[in-house]
C-alpha cells in the first residue's frame, strides 16, 4: 500500500467521525421532526456508537475501494461507488435502523448523500497536499 492510499484511508475514518457528529447536530434542527428519518437510528445506536459506526464504515469502504477493488483516487469513481453502496444499503436493508432515512429520501437524494461522504476524504487529501506545497 502506498502512502497516499494509507493517508486517504485515515482521512476516511476521520471524516466519517466528524461527518456523523455534524449530522447528529444538524439533522434534528433542519431535518424536520424525524431529522430526515435519522432520529430512530441515533436513538437506537446512541451518539457515541453512531460516531464509531460511521468512522468504521468509511474506513472499510475505503479499504474495499483501494485495496480490494484497486480503483484509483478519482472523485467521479468515488461518487459512483458511494451511490452504489447507498443503493445496496437501501435495497438489502443492511441497517434496518436506517429505514426511516430511506423512507424520508428518494433514490436521488439518498444517492447524493451516499456520494458526498465518499468524495470528502479525497477533497481533504488534496487540500492538505496543496497547503504543504505553498
N, C-alpha and C. Protein backbone atom coordinates (compact mmCIF):
# COMPACT_ATOMS: atom_id res chain seq x y z
N UNK A 1 0.86 -1.18 0.00
CA UNK A 1 0.00 0.00 0.00
C UNK A 1 0.90 1.24 0.00
N UNK A 2 0.59 2.15 -0.90
CA UNK A 2 1.42 3.36 -0.93
C UNK A 2 0.93 4.38 0.10
N UNK A 3 1.74 5.39 0.32
CA UNK A 3 1.46 6.38 1.36
C UNK A 3 0.15 7.13 1.09
N UNK A 4 -0.10 7.48 -0.17
CA UNK A 4 -1.32 8.22 -0.50
C UNK A 4 -2.56 7.42 -0.09
N UNK A 5 -2.60 6.14 -0.40
CA UNK A 5 -3.75 5.31 -0.07
C UNK A 5 -3.91 5.22 1.45
N UNK A 6 -2.81 5.03 2.15
CA UNK A 6 -2.86 4.99 3.61
C UNK A 6 -3.42 6.28 4.20
N UNK A 7 -2.97 7.41 3.68
CA UNK A 7 -3.46 8.70 4.17
C UNK A 7 -4.94 8.88 3.84
N UNK A 8 -5.36 8.43 2.68
CA UNK A 8 -6.78 8.53 2.31
C UNK A 8 -7.65 7.66 3.22
N UNK A 9 -7.16 6.48 3.57
CA UNK A 9 -7.92 5.61 4.47
C UNK A 9 -8.05 6.26 5.85
N UNK A 10 -6.97 6.85 6.35
CA UNK A 10 -7.03 7.56 7.64
C UNK A 10 -8.03 8.73 7.55
N UNK A 11 -7.95 9.49 6.47
CA UNK A 11 -8.88 10.63 6.29
C UNK A 11 -10.33 10.16 6.18
N UNK A 12 -10.56 8.99 5.61
CA UNK A 12 -11.93 8.48 5.52
C UNK A 12 -12.48 8.19 6.92
N UNK A 13 -11.63 7.66 7.78
CA UNK A 13 -12.05 7.39 9.16
C UNK A 13 -12.37 8.69 9.90
N UNK A 14 -11.49 9.65 9.78
CA UNK A 14 -11.67 10.95 10.46
C UNK A 14 -12.90 11.67 9.91
N UNK A 15 -13.05 11.68 8.59
CA UNK A 15 -14.20 12.40 8.02
C UNK A 15 -15.51 11.69 8.35
N UNK A 16 -15.49 10.37 8.45
CA UNK A 16 -16.69 9.64 8.88
C UNK A 16 -17.10 10.02 10.29
N UNK A 17 -16.13 10.14 11.17
CA UNK A 17 -16.39 10.51 12.57
C UNK A 17 -16.98 11.92 12.66
N UNK A 18 -16.28 12.88 12.07
CA UNK A 18 -16.73 14.27 12.18
C UNK A 18 -17.97 14.55 11.34
N UNK A 19 -18.11 13.85 10.21
CA UNK A 19 -19.32 14.00 9.40
C UNK A 19 -20.55 13.52 10.16
N UNK A 20 -20.41 12.41 10.87
CA UNK A 20 -21.53 11.90 11.66
C UNK A 20 -21.84 12.83 12.83
N UNK A 21 -20.80 13.38 13.44
CA UNK A 21 -21.02 14.34 14.54
C UNK A 21 -21.81 15.55 14.04
N UNK A 22 -21.42 16.06 12.88
CA UNK A 22 -22.14 17.19 12.29
C UNK A 22 -23.58 16.81 11.97
N UNK A 23 -23.77 15.63 11.44
CA UNK A 23 -25.12 15.16 11.11
C UNK A 23 -25.98 15.03 12.37
N UNK A 24 -25.39 14.57 13.46
CA UNK A 24 -26.13 14.47 14.71
C UNK A 24 -26.58 15.84 15.21
N UNK A 25 -25.80 16.86 14.91
CA UNK A 25 -26.15 18.22 15.35
C UNK A 25 -27.21 18.83 14.44
N UNK A 26 -27.02 18.71 13.12
CA UNK A 26 -27.92 19.43 12.21
C UNK A 26 -29.21 18.69 11.86
N UNK A 27 -29.19 17.36 11.87
CA UNK A 27 -30.39 16.60 11.45
C UNK A 27 -31.63 16.97 12.27
N UNK A 28 -31.54 17.03 13.59
CA UNK A 28 -32.74 17.39 14.35
C UNK A 28 -33.19 18.84 14.15
N UNK A 29 -32.24 19.69 13.80
CA UNK A 29 -32.56 21.12 13.67
C UNK A 29 -33.16 21.47 12.32
N UNK A 30 -32.65 20.87 11.23
CA UNK A 30 -33.15 21.26 9.91
C UNK A 30 -33.75 20.09 9.13
N UNK A 31 -33.74 18.90 9.70
CA UNK A 31 -34.27 17.73 9.01
C UNK A 31 -35.70 17.39 9.35
N UNK A 32 -36.44 18.36 9.87
CA UNK A 32 -37.83 18.09 10.23
C UNK A 32 -37.94 17.34 11.54
N UNK A 33 -39.16 16.94 11.88
CA UNK A 33 -39.36 16.31 13.19
C UNK A 33 -38.71 14.93 13.29
N UNK A 34 -38.41 14.29 12.16
CA UNK A 34 -37.73 12.99 12.21
C UNK A 34 -36.24 13.10 11.90
N UNK A 35 -35.75 14.33 11.66
CA UNK A 35 -34.34 14.50 11.34
C UNK A 35 -33.94 13.71 10.11
N UNK A 36 -34.73 13.86 9.03
CA UNK A 36 -34.55 13.12 7.78
C UNK A 36 -34.66 11.62 8.01
N UNK A 37 -35.43 11.24 9.00
CA UNK A 37 -35.59 9.82 9.31
C UNK A 37 -34.45 9.23 10.10
N UNK A 38 -33.52 10.07 10.56
CA UNK A 38 -32.35 9.57 11.30
C UNK A 38 -32.56 9.51 12.81
N UNK A 39 -33.61 10.12 13.31
CA UNK A 39 -33.86 10.11 14.75
C UNK A 39 -33.93 8.68 15.31
N UNK A 40 -34.65 7.75 14.64
CA UNK A 40 -34.65 6.37 15.16
C UNK A 40 -33.27 5.72 15.14
N UNK A 41 -32.49 6.01 14.12
CA UNK A 41 -31.14 5.45 14.03
C UNK A 41 -30.27 5.94 15.19
N UNK A 42 -30.25 7.26 15.41
CA UNK A 42 -29.44 7.79 16.50
C UNK A 42 -30.01 7.36 17.86
N UNK A 43 -31.33 7.21 17.93
CA UNK A 43 -31.94 6.74 19.18
C UNK A 43 -31.53 5.31 19.50
N UNK A 44 -31.48 4.47 18.48
CA UNK A 44 -31.12 3.06 18.69
C UNK A 44 -29.64 2.89 19.00
N UNK A 45 -28.80 3.60 18.28
CA UNK A 45 -27.37 3.38 18.42
C UNK A 45 -26.68 4.31 19.41
N UNK A 46 -27.29 5.44 19.71
CA UNK A 46 -26.67 6.39 20.61
C UNK A 46 -25.60 7.19 19.88
N UNK A 47 -25.26 8.31 20.46
CA UNK A 47 -24.35 9.24 19.82
C UNK A 47 -22.95 8.66 19.62
N UNK A 48 -22.36 8.11 20.65
CA UNK A 48 -21.00 7.58 20.56
C UNK A 48 -20.90 6.39 19.63
N UNK A 49 -21.85 5.48 19.73
CA UNK A 49 -21.84 4.31 18.86
C UNK A 49 -21.99 4.70 17.39
N UNK A 50 -22.87 5.67 17.13
CA UNK A 50 -23.08 6.13 15.76
C UNK A 50 -21.79 6.73 15.19
N UNK A 51 -21.05 7.45 16.00
CA UNK A 51 -19.76 8.01 15.56
C UNK A 51 -18.79 6.89 15.17
N UNK A 52 -18.74 5.86 16.00
CA UNK A 52 -17.85 4.73 15.72
C UNK A 52 -18.29 3.96 14.48
N UNK A 53 -19.61 3.77 14.32
CA UNK A 53 -20.12 3.09 13.14
C UNK A 53 -19.74 3.86 11.88
N UNK A 54 -19.96 5.16 11.89
CA UNK A 54 -19.67 5.98 10.70
C UNK A 54 -18.19 5.96 10.36
N UNK A 55 -17.33 6.13 11.36
CA UNK A 55 -15.90 6.14 11.07
C UNK A 55 -15.42 4.76 10.63
N UNK A 56 -15.95 3.72 11.25
CA UNK A 56 -15.57 2.36 10.87
C UNK A 56 -16.05 2.00 9.47
N UNK A 57 -17.27 2.37 9.15
CA UNK A 57 -17.80 2.05 7.83
C UNK A 57 -17.04 2.80 6.74
N UNK A 58 -16.76 4.06 6.95
CA UNK A 58 -16.00 4.81 5.95
C UNK A 58 -14.62 4.19 5.75
N UNK A 59 -13.99 3.76 6.82
CA UNK A 59 -12.68 3.12 6.71
C UNK A 59 -12.79 1.83 5.90
N UNK A 60 -13.77 1.00 6.22
CA UNK A 60 -13.96 -0.25 5.48
C UNK A 60 -14.28 0.02 4.02
N UNK A 61 -15.13 1.01 3.75
CA UNK A 61 -15.47 1.34 2.36
C UNK A 61 -14.22 1.74 1.58
N UNK A 62 -13.37 2.53 2.20
CA UNK A 62 -12.15 2.97 1.51
C UNK A 62 -11.15 1.82 1.35
N UNK A 63 -11.06 0.94 2.32
CA UNK A 63 -10.19 -0.23 2.19
C UNK A 63 -10.66 -1.11 1.03
N UNK A 64 -11.96 -1.34 0.95
CA UNK A 64 -12.50 -2.13 -0.15
C UNK A 64 -12.21 -1.45 -1.48
N UNK A 65 -12.47 -0.16 -1.54
CA UNK A 65 -12.30 0.60 -2.78
C UNK A 65 -10.86 0.52 -3.28
N UNK A 66 -9.89 0.80 -2.40
CA UNK A 66 -8.50 0.90 -2.82
C UNK A 66 -7.76 -0.44 -2.81
N UNK A 67 -7.96 -1.25 -1.79
CA UNK A 67 -7.13 -2.45 -1.64
C UNK A 67 -7.74 -3.70 -2.25
N UNK A 68 -9.06 -3.76 -2.34
CA UNK A 68 -9.69 -4.94 -2.93
C UNK A 68 -10.09 -4.68 -4.38
N UNK A 69 -10.82 -3.59 -4.61
CA UNK A 69 -11.23 -3.25 -5.97
C UNK A 69 -10.10 -2.63 -6.77
N UNK A 70 -9.12 -2.07 -6.06
CA UNK A 70 -7.93 -1.44 -6.67
C UNK A 70 -8.31 -0.33 -7.66
N UNK A 71 -9.25 0.50 -7.23
CA UNK A 71 -9.68 1.63 -8.05
C UNK A 71 -8.83 2.85 -7.74
N UNK A 72 -8.71 3.77 -8.68
CA UNK A 72 -7.86 4.95 -8.48
C UNK A 72 -8.56 6.02 -7.64
N UNK A 73 -7.78 6.94 -7.05
CA UNK A 73 -8.37 8.04 -6.29
C UNK A 73 -8.97 9.08 -7.23
N UNK A 74 -10.15 8.78 -7.72
CA UNK A 74 -10.85 9.61 -8.70
C UNK A 74 -12.18 10.03 -8.11
N UNK A 75 -12.49 11.33 -8.06
CA UNK A 75 -13.73 11.77 -7.41
C UNK A 75 -15.00 11.22 -8.07
N UNK A 76 -14.98 11.04 -9.37
CA UNK A 76 -16.18 10.51 -10.04
C UNK A 76 -16.37 9.05 -9.68
N UNK A 77 -15.30 8.27 -9.69
CA UNK A 77 -15.40 6.86 -9.30
C UNK A 77 -15.86 6.73 -7.85
N UNK A 78 -15.29 7.57 -6.98
CA UNK A 78 -15.69 7.52 -5.56
C UNK A 78 -17.16 7.89 -5.38
N UNK A 79 -17.63 8.88 -6.13
CA UNK A 79 -19.03 9.28 -6.04
C UNK A 79 -19.93 8.14 -6.52
N UNK A 80 -19.58 7.52 -7.64
CA UNK A 80 -20.37 6.39 -8.14
C UNK A 80 -20.35 5.22 -7.16
N UNK A 81 -19.21 4.97 -6.57
CA UNK A 81 -19.08 3.93 -5.54
C UNK A 81 -20.01 4.22 -4.36
N UNK A 82 -20.06 5.48 -3.92
CA UNK A 82 -20.95 5.87 -2.83
C UNK A 82 -22.41 5.68 -3.19
N UNK A 83 -22.77 5.98 -4.42
CA UNK A 83 -24.16 5.79 -4.88
C UNK A 83 -24.51 4.31 -4.89
N UNK A 84 -23.59 3.49 -5.38
CA UNK A 84 -23.82 2.04 -5.40
C UNK A 84 -23.96 1.49 -3.98
N UNK A 85 -23.09 1.93 -3.08
CA UNK A 85 -23.18 1.49 -1.68
C UNK A 85 -24.52 1.90 -1.07
N UNK A 86 -24.95 3.13 -1.34
CA UNK A 86 -26.22 3.60 -0.82
C UNK A 86 -27.36 2.74 -1.34
N UNK A 87 -27.33 2.41 -2.61
CA UNK A 87 -28.37 1.58 -3.20
C UNK A 87 -28.37 0.19 -2.58
N UNK A 88 -27.20 -0.38 -2.36
CA UNK A 88 -27.12 -1.69 -1.69
C UNK A 88 -27.68 -1.63 -0.28
N UNK A 89 -27.31 -0.59 0.46
CA UNK A 89 -27.81 -0.46 1.83
C UNK A 89 -29.33 -0.29 1.84
N UNK A 90 -29.85 0.46 0.89
CA UNK A 90 -31.30 0.68 0.80
C UNK A 90 -32.02 -0.61 0.46
N UNK A 91 -31.60 -1.27 -0.61
CA UNK A 91 -32.31 -2.44 -1.13
C UNK A 91 -32.15 -3.69 -0.26
N UNK A 92 -30.97 -3.87 0.32
CA UNK A 92 -30.72 -5.05 1.14
C UNK A 92 -31.03 -4.84 2.61
N UNK A 93 -31.40 -3.60 2.96
CA UNK A 93 -31.71 -3.24 4.35
C UNK A 93 -30.60 -3.70 5.30
N UNK A 94 -29.36 -3.34 4.95
CA UNK A 94 -28.22 -3.75 5.76
C UNK A 94 -28.26 -3.13 7.15
N UNK A 95 -28.89 -1.97 7.27
CA UNK A 95 -29.11 -1.32 8.56
C UNK A 95 -30.60 -1.03 8.67
N UNK A 96 -31.38 -1.95 9.22
CA UNK A 96 -32.82 -1.70 9.34
C UNK A 96 -33.15 -0.42 10.12
N UNK A 97 -32.23 0.01 10.98
CA UNK A 97 -32.45 1.24 11.72
C UNK A 97 -32.41 2.47 10.81
N UNK A 98 -31.99 2.31 9.56
CA UNK A 98 -32.00 3.42 8.60
C UNK A 98 -33.24 3.41 7.71
N UNK A 99 -34.21 2.56 8.01
CA UNK A 99 -35.44 2.52 7.20
C UNK A 99 -36.11 3.89 7.14
N UNK A 100 -36.14 4.60 8.25
CA UNK A 100 -36.75 5.93 8.28
C UNK A 100 -36.04 6.91 7.37
N UNK A 101 -34.73 6.79 7.31
CA UNK A 101 -33.92 7.63 6.43
C UNK A 101 -34.30 7.37 4.97
N UNK A 102 -34.37 6.11 4.61
CA UNK A 102 -34.68 5.76 3.22
C UNK A 102 -36.14 6.06 2.87
N UNK A 103 -37.01 6.04 3.85
CA UNK A 103 -38.40 6.44 3.61
C UNK A 103 -38.49 7.96 3.44
N UNK A 104 -37.61 8.67 4.12
CA UNK A 104 -37.62 10.13 4.08
C UNK A 104 -37.03 10.68 2.78
N UNK A 105 -36.07 9.98 2.20
CA UNK A 105 -35.38 10.45 0.99
C UNK A 105 -35.66 9.53 -0.19
N UNK A 106 -35.84 10.12 -1.36
CA UNK A 106 -35.99 9.31 -2.56
C UNK A 106 -34.62 8.79 -2.99
N UNK A 107 -34.61 7.97 -4.05
CA UNK A 107 -33.36 7.36 -4.51
C UNK A 107 -32.32 8.41 -4.91
N UNK A 108 -32.76 9.47 -5.56
CA UNK A 108 -31.83 10.50 -6.00
C UNK A 108 -31.10 11.12 -4.81
N UNK A 109 -31.88 11.61 -3.82
CA UNK A 109 -31.25 12.33 -2.71
C UNK A 109 -30.45 11.41 -1.80
N UNK A 110 -30.90 10.19 -1.58
CA UNK A 110 -30.06 9.30 -0.77
C UNK A 110 -28.79 8.95 -1.53
N UNK A 111 -28.86 8.86 -2.87
CA UNK A 111 -27.67 8.64 -3.67
C UNK A 111 -26.70 9.80 -3.58
N UNK A 112 -27.23 11.02 -3.62
CA UNK A 112 -26.38 12.21 -3.46
C UNK A 112 -25.68 12.16 -2.11
N UNK A 113 -26.45 11.85 -1.06
CA UNK A 113 -25.87 11.80 0.28
C UNK A 113 -25.02 10.56 0.50
N UNK A 114 -25.09 9.59 -0.42
CA UNK A 114 -24.17 8.47 -0.39
C UNK A 114 -22.86 8.81 -1.07
N UNK A 115 -22.94 9.68 -2.08
CA UNK A 115 -21.75 10.06 -2.85
C UNK A 115 -20.88 11.05 -2.10
N UNK A 116 -21.50 12.03 -1.47
CA UNK A 116 -20.74 13.12 -0.83
C UNK A 116 -19.70 12.62 0.18
N UNK A 117 -20.06 11.76 1.13
CA UNK A 117 -19.03 11.35 2.09
C UNK A 117 -17.89 10.56 1.47
N UNK A 118 -18.13 9.92 0.33
CA UNK A 118 -17.06 9.16 -0.31
C UNK A 118 -16.04 10.08 -0.97
N UNK A 119 -16.46 11.27 -1.36
CA UNK A 119 -15.56 12.20 -2.05
C UNK A 119 -14.82 13.11 -1.06
N UNK A 120 -15.40 13.35 0.10
CA UNK A 120 -14.81 14.28 1.07
C UNK A 120 -13.37 13.92 1.45
N UNK A 121 -13.04 12.66 1.77
CA UNK A 121 -11.64 12.38 2.13
C UNK A 121 -10.65 12.72 1.02
N UNK A 122 -11.02 12.46 -0.23
CA UNK A 122 -10.14 12.82 -1.35
C UNK A 122 -9.98 14.33 -1.45
N UNK A 123 -11.09 15.06 -1.26
CA UNK A 123 -11.03 16.52 -1.26
C UNK A 123 -10.11 17.02 -0.15
N UNK A 124 -10.26 16.46 1.05
CA UNK A 124 -9.41 16.85 2.18
C UNK A 124 -7.94 16.54 1.90
N UNK A 125 -7.70 15.38 1.33
CA UNK A 125 -6.32 14.99 0.99
C UNK A 125 -5.69 16.01 0.04
N UNK A 126 -6.43 16.36 -1.01
CA UNK A 126 -5.90 17.32 -1.99
C UNK A 126 -5.71 18.71 -1.36
N UNK A 127 -6.61 19.07 -0.46
CA UNK A 127 -6.49 20.35 0.23
C UNK A 127 -5.25 20.36 1.11
N UNK A 128 -5.03 19.31 1.86
CA UNK A 128 -3.86 19.21 2.75
C UNK A 128 -2.58 19.24 1.93
N UNK A 129 -2.54 18.49 0.84
CA UNK A 129 -1.34 18.44 -0.01
C UNK A 129 -1.06 19.78 -0.67
N UNK A 130 -2.11 20.49 -1.07
CA UNK A 130 -1.89 21.80 -1.69
C UNK A 130 -1.38 22.81 -0.69
N UNK A 131 -1.80 22.70 0.58
CA UNK A 131 -1.32 23.60 1.64
C UNK A 131 0.17 23.35 1.91
N UNK A 132 0.60 22.11 1.82
CA UNK A 132 2.01 21.77 2.10
C UNK A 132 2.93 22.27 1.00
N UNK A 133 2.41 22.42 -0.20
CA UNK A 133 3.25 22.86 -1.30
C UNK A 133 3.34 24.38 -1.40
N UNK A 134 2.59 25.09 -0.62
CA UNK A 134 2.60 26.55 -0.67
C UNK A 134 3.74 27.11 0.12
